C-alpha atoms as a PDB file:
ATOM      1  CA  MET A   1     -56.437  60.055 -85.211  1.00  0.00           C
ATOM      2  CA  LYS A   2     -54.299  58.870 -82.346  1.00  0.00           C
ATOM      3  CA  GLU A   3     -53.492  61.385 -79.623  1.00  0.00           C
ATOM      4  CA  GLY A   4     -50.066  62.870 -80.212  1.00  0.00           C
ATOM      5  CA  THR A   5     -50.295  62.346 -83.958  1.00  0.00           C
ATOM      6  CA  THR A   6     -48.866  65.138 -86.068  1.00  0.00           C
ATOM      7  CA  THR A   7     -50.557  65.861 -89.373  1.00  0.00           C
ATOM      8  CA  ILE A   8     -48.910  67.682 -92.256  1.00  0.00           C
ATOM      9  CA  PRO A   9     -50.416  68.854 -95.533  1.00  0.00           C
ATOM     10  CA  LEU A  10     -48.959  67.330 -98.679  1.00  0.00           C
ATOM     11  CA  GLU A  11     -48.439  69.192-101.923  1.00  0.00           C
ATOM     12  CA  LEU A  12     -50.332  68.083-105.016  1.00  0.00           C
ATOM     13  CA  ASP A  13     -48.852  67.688-108.455  1.00  0.00           C
ATOM     14  CA  GLY A  14     -50.629  66.695-111.672  1.00  0.00           C
ATOM     15  CA  LYS A  15     -50.803  63.075-110.498  1.00  0.00           C
ATOM     16  CA  GLY A  16     -52.049  63.663-106.952  1.00  0.00           C
ATOM     17  CA  ILE A  17     -49.944  63.841-103.792  1.00  0.00           C
ATOM     18  CA  SER A  18     -46.216  64.463-104.057  1.00  0.00           C
ATOM     19  CA  ILE A  19     -44.461  61.113-103.583  1.00  0.00           C
ATOM     20  CA  ASN A  20     -41.147  62.970-103.219  1.00  0.00           C
ATOM     21  CA  GLN A  21     -42.542  64.926-100.273  1.00  0.00           C
ATOM     22  CA  ILE A  22     -43.719  61.714 -98.601  1.00  0.00           C
ATOM     23  CA  ASN A  23     -40.269  60.182 -99.052  1.00  0.00           C
ATOM     24  CA  ALA A  24     -38.607  63.319 -97.664  1.00  0.00           C
ATOM     25  CA  THR A  25     -40.720  63.415 -94.487  1.00  0.00           C
ATOM     26  CA  GLN A  26     -40.611  59.634 -93.832  1.00  0.00           C
ATOM     27  CA  PRO A  27     -44.002  59.433 -92.083  1.00  0.00           C
ATOM     28  CA  ASP A  28     -45.180  56.460 -90.020  1.00  0.00           C
ATOM     29  CA  ALA A  29     -48.474  56.475 -91.936  1.00  0.00           C
ATOM     30  CA  VAL A  30     -50.133  58.233 -94.862  1.00  0.00           C
ATOM     31  CA  ILE A  31     -53.898  58.461 -95.274  1.00  0.00           C
ATOM     32  CA  VAL A  32     -54.939  59.211 -98.848  1.00  0.00           C
ATOM     33  CA  THR A  33     -57.956  58.992-101.133  1.00  0.00           C
ATOM     34  CA  PRO A  34     -56.187  58.131-104.409  1.00  0.00           C
ATOM     35  CA  SER A  35     -59.357  57.622-106.445  1.00  0.00           C
ATOM     36  CA  HIS A  36     -60.622  61.199-106.004  1.00  0.00           C
ATOM     37  CA  GLN A  37     -58.774  64.038-104.273  1.00  0.00           C
ATOM     38  CA  PHE A  38     -61.284  66.505-102.813  1.00  0.00           C
ATOM     39  CA  PRO A  39     -61.712  69.365-103.644  1.00  0.00           C
ATOM     40  CA  THR A  40     -59.401  69.390-106.700  1.00  0.00           C
ATOM     41  CA  GLY A  41     -60.753  66.232-108.358  1.00  0.00           C
ATOM     42  CA  ILE A  42     -57.243  64.979-109.204  1.00  0.00           C
ATOM     43  CA  ILE A  43     -57.147  61.200-109.675  1.00  0.00           C
ATOM     44  CA  MET A  44     -53.878  59.366-109.002  1.00  0.00           C
ATOM     45  CA  PRO A  45     -52.878  57.126-111.952  1.00  0.00           C
ATOM     46  CA  VAL A  46     -52.770  53.381-111.260  1.00  0.00           C
ATOM     47  CA  SER A  47     -49.019  53.370-111.932  1.00  0.00           C
ATOM     48  CA  GLU A  48     -48.494  55.847-109.060  1.00  0.00           C
ATOM     49  CA  LYS A  49     -50.596  53.864-106.556  1.00  0.00           C
ATOM     50  CA  ASN A  50     -48.030  51.078-106.357  1.00  0.00           C
END
């Protein structure tokens, strides 16, 4: 992570991370693991990855 970077936790819903929360915070970047969220095991549907 770049120095000065601020990280924030994102809420999870039944499909993975909350897209609404990402849109509300307008981040410069988002780092996700959409194929397997650890430790919950939630997998983001293909339709949500686009």
